[in-house]
Protein backbone atom coordinates (compact mmCIF):
# COMPACT_ATOMS: atom_id res chain seq x y z
CA MET A 1 48.31 164.48 -2.21
CA SER A 2 48.18 165.76 -5.80
CA ASN A 3 45.64 168.21 -7.22
CA ASP A 4 46.00 166.68 -10.71
CA TRP A 5 42.99 164.64 -11.82
CA ILE A 6 41.53 163.12 -14.97
CA TYR A 7 37.74 162.90 -14.73
CA ILE A 8 34.69 161.75 -16.64
CA GLY A 9 31.66 163.97 -16.28
CA ALA A 10 28.07 163.58 -17.41
CA ASP A 11 24.84 165.55 -17.38
CA ILE A 12 21.66 163.98 -16.04
CA ASP A 13 19.59 166.29 -18.29
CA ARG A 14 21.57 165.55 -21.47
CA LYS A 15 22.31 161.84 -21.37
CA GLU A 16 23.92 161.81 -24.84
CA LEU A 17 26.79 164.02 -23.61
CA SER A 18 29.82 163.24 -21.52
CA LYS A 19 33.15 164.92 -20.90
CA ILE A 20 36.66 163.68 -20.29
CA GLY A 21 38.78 166.38 -18.76
CA LYS A 22 41.65 167.30 -16.50
CA THR A 23 42.13 169.63 -13.61
CA THR A 24 45.26 170.79 -11.82
CA VAL A 25 43.42 172.56 -9.01
CA GLY A 26 41.46 169.68 -7.50
CA LEU A 27 37.95 168.37 -8.12
CA GLU A 28 36.03 170.73 -5.86
CA ILE A 29 35.41 173.32 -8.60
CA ARG A 30 34.75 170.70 -11.30
CA HIS A 31 31.98 168.68 -9.68
CA THR A 32 29.22 171.14 -10.59
CA SER A 33 28.48 173.66 -13.33
CA SER A 34 26.36 176.79 -13.02
CA GLN A 35 25.67 176.60 -16.78
CA SER A 36 24.52 172.95 -16.52
CA PRO A 37 22.90 172.25 -13.15
CA GLY A 38 22.58 168.53 -14.00
CA TYR A 39 26.35 168.11 -14.55
CA PHE A 40 28.26 165.77 -12.27
CA ILE A 41 31.57 163.92 -12.18
CA TYR A 42 30.94 160.22 -12.75
CA THR A 43 34.46 159.08 -11.88
CA ALA A 44 37.90 160.59 -11.37
CA TYR A 45 41.47 159.38 -11.25
CA GLU A 46 44.17 161.14 -9.26
CA ILE A 47 47.36 161.55 -11.29
CA ILE A 48 50.22 160.95 -8.89
CA SER A 49 52.98 160.79 -11.49
CA GLY A 50 53.38 162.28 -14.94
CA ASP A 51 52.09 165.28 -16.85
CA VAL A 52 48.30 165.47 -16.49
CA GLY A 53 48.01 167.47 -19.73
CA LYS A 54 49.91 164.85 -21.70
CA ILE A 55 47.90 162.05 -20.10
CA GLU A 56 44.63 163.79 -21.01
CA LEU A 57 45.75 164.30 -24.61
CA GLU A 58 46.83 160.67 -24.99
CA LEU A 59 43.55 159.47 -23.48
CA LEU A 60 41.45 161.67 -25.81
CA ASN A 61 43.45 160.50 -28.84
CA TYR A 62 42.91 156.89 -27.80
CA ILE A 63 39.16 157.41 -27.38
CA GLU A 64 38.95 159.10 -30.81
CA GLN A 65 40.62 156.06 -32.41
CA ILE A 66 38.05 153.72 -30.88
CA TYR A 67 35.02 155.82 -31.81
């Protein structure tokens, strides 16, 4: 199983914010934040093939084009 993930995070205390990110070390350290106790991962996608960094960049560029 891969440790590469693309995830969408949110903060229950700041509903106007969200985050799209990547991790190469698994989700365990990304599911909470000491700086933002209300932060959580809404959904995550395991990357089983390809460069997770390139996938994240392409996804962020796509989102920027839409919004």
